[in-house]
Amino acid sequence: MKLTRDARSDVNLIRGYGREGVQIGERVVSTHCIVAANALITSLPARSAESLEAAHLEEIFALEPEVVLLGTASRQSFPAAEIRQAFAARGVGLEAMDLGAACRTYNVLVQEDRRVVALLFLS
């Protein structure tokens, strides 16, 4: 699905998403990824929300987010309690939603200059 035209060019905006990938600016990413205003990480070791481990979170926490949006394909999935506790211990919000909702919410928050990170799983 294509999203509306970007309003800003100084941050990573998600312009479209689907099973085949996510379009971030002009780049199409066909793997699970982490997106922030000024960062794009495509070397994500976890393959699903359920397979996230505490060791996978360091790249996310290094971006110093106030909230992380967990986008999980076409169905909302939740990470293990250990992962939710790691976010809570750092005072970082974690919101799980389907991929489309995560992409749309990310765009709104990043354009409001919020410190948001999207952790996107395509399948």
Protein backbone atom coordinates (compact mmCIF):
# COMPACT_ATOMS: atom_id res chain seq x y z
CA MET A 1 0.00 0.00 0.00
CA LYS A 2 1.27 3.46 -0.88
CA LEU A 3 1.14 6.15 1.74
CA THR A 4 0.64 9.85 1.09
CA ARG A 5 3.40 12.02 -0.34
CA ASP A 6 6.08 13.01 2.18
CA ALA A 7 5.90 16.38 3.83
CA ARG A 8 9.54 16.37 4.98
CA SER A 9 12.74 15.39 3.25
CA ASP A 10 15.12 15.60 6.23
CA VAL A 11 13.93 12.36 7.91
CA ASN A 12 13.34 8.79 6.82
CA LEU A 13 9.67 8.48 5.89
CA ILE A 14 7.90 5.27 4.92
CA ARG A 15 6.31 5.83 1.53
CA GLY A 16 4.80 2.39 1.03
CA TYR A 17 4.67 -1.12 2.47
CA GLY A 18 3.60 -4.61 1.55
CA ARG A 19 4.64 -8.26 1.71
CA GLU A 20 7.50 -7.61 -0.70
CA GLY A 21 9.05 -4.80 1.31
CA VAL A 22 8.92 -1.32 2.72
CA GLN A 23 9.73 1.81 0.72
CA ILE A 24 11.73 4.21 2.85
CA GLY A 25 12.30 7.40 0.89
CA GLU A 26 13.40 6.17 -2.51
CA ARG A 27 14.83 2.88 -1.21
CA VAL A 28 12.88 -0.38 -1.13
CA VAL A 29 13.90 -2.66 1.73
CA SER A 30 12.84 -6.29 1.37
CA THR A 31 14.07 -7.53 4.74
CA HIS A 32 13.06 -6.99 8.34
CA CYS A 33 14.44 -3.61 9.43
CA ILE A 34 14.78 -0.87 11.99
CA VAL A 35 13.84 2.66 10.86
CA ALA A 36 14.50 5.92 12.69
CA ALA A 37 14.53 9.55 11.55
CA ASN A 38 18.20 9.36 10.55
CA ALA A 39 18.95 5.63 10.60
CA LEU A 40 18.05 2.52 8.63
CA ILE A 41 19.30 -0.87 9.83
CA THR A 42 18.65 -3.90 7.64
CA SER A 43 20.85 -6.45 9.41
CA LEU A 44 18.27 -7.59 11.94
CA PRO A 45 19.10 -11.01 13.44
CA ALA A 46 15.56 -11.74 14.68
CA ARG A 47 13.05 -13.00 12.11
CA SER A 48 9.87 -12.35 14.10
CA ALA A 49 8.61 -10.55 17.18
CA GLU A 50 8.46 -13.88 18.97
CA SER A 51 12.15 -14.59 18.24
CA LEU A 52 13.44 -11.27 19.61
CA GLU A 53 16.07 -11.67 22.31
CA ALA A 54 17.54 -9.09 24.68
CA ALA A 55 20.82 -9.11 22.68
CA HIS A 56 18.90 -7.92 19.60
CA LEU A 57 17.81 -4.73 21.33
CA GLU A 58 21.15 -2.92 21.64
CA GLU A 59 20.96 -1.41 18.15
CA ILE A 60 17.49 -0.12 18.95
CA PHE A 61 18.43 1.35 22.33
CA ALA A 62 21.53 2.98 20.78
CA LEU A 63 19.12 5.15 18.75
CA GLU A 64 17.76 6.55 22.06
CA PRO A 65 14.04 6.22 21.23
CA GLU A 66 11.23 7.35 23.47
CA VAL A 67 8.91 4.87 21.76
CA VAL A 68 9.42 1.81 19.55
CA LEU A 69 6.71 0.68 17.17
CA LEU A 70 6.77 -3.06 16.57
CA GLY A 71 5.20 -3.77 13.18
CA THR A 72 4.39 -7.45 12.67
CA ALA A 73 3.24 -8.28 9.16
CA SER A 74 -0.52 -8.53 8.68
CA ARG A 75 -1.28 -9.66 12.24
CA GLN A 76 -0.36 -8.08 15.54
CA SER A 77 2.16 -10.19 17.47
CA PHE A 78 3.82 -9.59 20.80
CA PRO A 79 7.39 -10.21 21.97
CA ALA A 80 8.20 -12.27 25.06
CA ALA A 81 7.75 -10.80 28.53
CA GLU A 82 11.56 -10.52 28.86
CA ILE A 83 11.63 -8.14 25.89
CA ARG A 84 8.77 -6.03 27.19
CA GLN A 85 10.55 -5.83 30.56
CA ALA A 86 13.79 -4.67 28.88
CA PHE A 87 11.92 -1.76 27.31
CA ALA A 88 10.16 -0.90 30.56
CA ALA A 89 13.45 -0.96 32.49
CA ARG A 90 14.85 1.68 30.13
CA GLY A 91 11.71 3.79 30.17
CA VAL A 92 11.11 3.22 26.45
CA GLY A 93 7.57 2.69 25.24
CA LEU A 94 6.87 -0.40 23.13
CA GLU A 95 3.75 -0.56 20.98
CA ALA A 96 2.93 -3.71 18.98
CA MET A 97 0.72 -3.39 15.90
CA ASP A 98 0.41 -4.75 12.38
CA LEU A 99 2.88 -3.56 9.75
CA GLY A 100 0.56 -1.00 8.16
CA ALA A 101 -0.38 0.63 11.45
CA ALA A 102 3.28 0.77 12.49
CA CYS A 103 4.29 2.46 9.21
CA ARG A 104 1.52 5.05 9.40
CA THR A 105 2.10 5.79 13.09
CA TYR A 106 5.85 6.06 12.56
CA ASN A 107 5.35 8.69 9.83
CA VAL A 108 3.11 10.80 12.05
CA LEU A 109 5.43 10.64 15.06
CA VAL A 110 8.68 11.23 13.17
CA GLN A 111 7.22 14.32 11.51
CA GLU A 112 6.32 15.61 14.98
CA ASP A 113 10.04 15.35 15.86
CA ARG A 114 9.39 12.51 18.29
CA ARG A 115 12.23 10.08 18.98
CA VAL A 116 10.47 7.12 17.39
CA VAL A 117 11.91 3.91 16.02
CA ALA A 118 9.99 1.38 13.92
CA LEU A 119 11.00 -2.27 14.17
CA LEU A 120 9.36 -3.82 11.10
CA PHE A 121 8.85 -7.52 10.42
CA LEU A 122 7.55 -8.23 6.91
CA SER A 123 6.35 -11.77 7.59
